[in-house]
Protein backbone atom coordinates (compact mmCIF):
# COMPACT_ATOMS: atom_id res chain seq x y z
CA UNK A 1 -14.61 -41.36 91.05
CA UNK A 2 -12.58 -39.87 93.88
CA UNK A 3 -10.45 -42.99 94.16
CA UNK A 4 -9.68 -42.82 90.44
CA UNK A 5 -8.59 -39.18 90.71
CA UNK A 6 -6.43 -39.84 93.76
CA UNK A 7 -4.74 -42.85 92.17
CA UNK A 8 -4.13 -40.88 88.98
CA UNK A 9 -2.59 -37.99 90.94
CA UNK A 10 -0.32 -40.37 92.85
CA UNK A 11 0.75 -42.05 89.62
CA UNK A 12 1.57 -38.67 88.05
CA UNK A 13 3.55 -37.69 91.15
CA UNK A 14 5.50 -40.95 91.08
CA UNK A 15 6.21 -40.59 87.38
CA UNK A 16 7.44 -37.02 87.87
CA UNK A 17 9.76 -38.02 90.71
CA UNK A 18 11.11 -40.97 88.73
CA UNK A 19 11.67 -38.84 85.63
CA UNK A 20 13.47 -36.18 87.61
CA UNK A 21 15.67 -38.75 89.31
CA UNK A 22 16.73 -40.34 86.02
CA UNK A 23 16.57 -37.53 83.49
CA UNK A 24 16.64 -34.35 85.51
CA UNK A 25 14.76 -31.31 84.28
CA UNK A 26 14.38 -32.66 80.73
CA UNK A 27 12.22 -35.56 81.94
CA UNK A 28 9.92 -33.28 83.88
CA UNK A 29 9.59 -30.91 80.91
CA UNK A 30 8.71 -33.83 78.61
CA UNK A 31 6.07 -35.06 81.06
CA UNK A 32 4.67 -31.54 81.25
CA UNK A 33 4.55 -31.41 77.43
CA UNK A 34 2.63 -34.69 77.34
CA UNK A 35 0.12 -33.35 79.86
CA UNK A 36 -0.31 -30.06 78.02
CA UNK A 37 -0.66 -31.84 74.68
CA UNK A 38 -3.36 -34.14 76.02
CA UNK A 39 -5.32 -31.36 77.71
CA UNK A 40 -5.05 -29.05 74.69
CA UNK A 41 -5.92 -31.93 72.36
CA UNK A 42 -2.70 -31.48 70.40
CA UNK A 43 -2.01 -35.06 69.40
CA UNK A 44 1.31 -34.30 67.71
CA UNK A 45 2.74 -32.61 70.81
CA UNK A 46 1.55 -35.34 73.15
CA UNK A 47 2.78 -38.22 70.98
CA UNK A 48 6.10 -36.57 70.19
CA UNK A 49 6.82 -35.82 73.84
CA UNK A 50 5.75 -39.31 74.90
CA UNK A 51 8.04 -40.92 72.31
CA UNK A 52 10.98 -38.74 73.36
CA UNK A 53 10.30 -39.48 77.03
CA UNK A 54 10.17 -43.21 76.34
CA UNK A 55 13.41 -43.16 74.35
CA UNK A 56 15.21 -41.20 77.05
CA UNK A 57 13.92 -43.48 79.80
CA UNK A 58 15.16 -46.52 77.88
CA UNK A 59 18.61 -44.95 77.59
CA UNK A 60 18.76 -43.91 81.26
């Protein structure tokens, strides 16, 4: 259980650093929106932010 949480935290940290390096603040805001949408169980927010993040990462 602890290993899963640590690996998830490291993955989130890596994703945040990568998004900031490629997209700047917009990437970090989109990742934050995905996280908030998932935790608040707002599927539309999470999916919309994930799609936008994916499209921007493809373009970067």
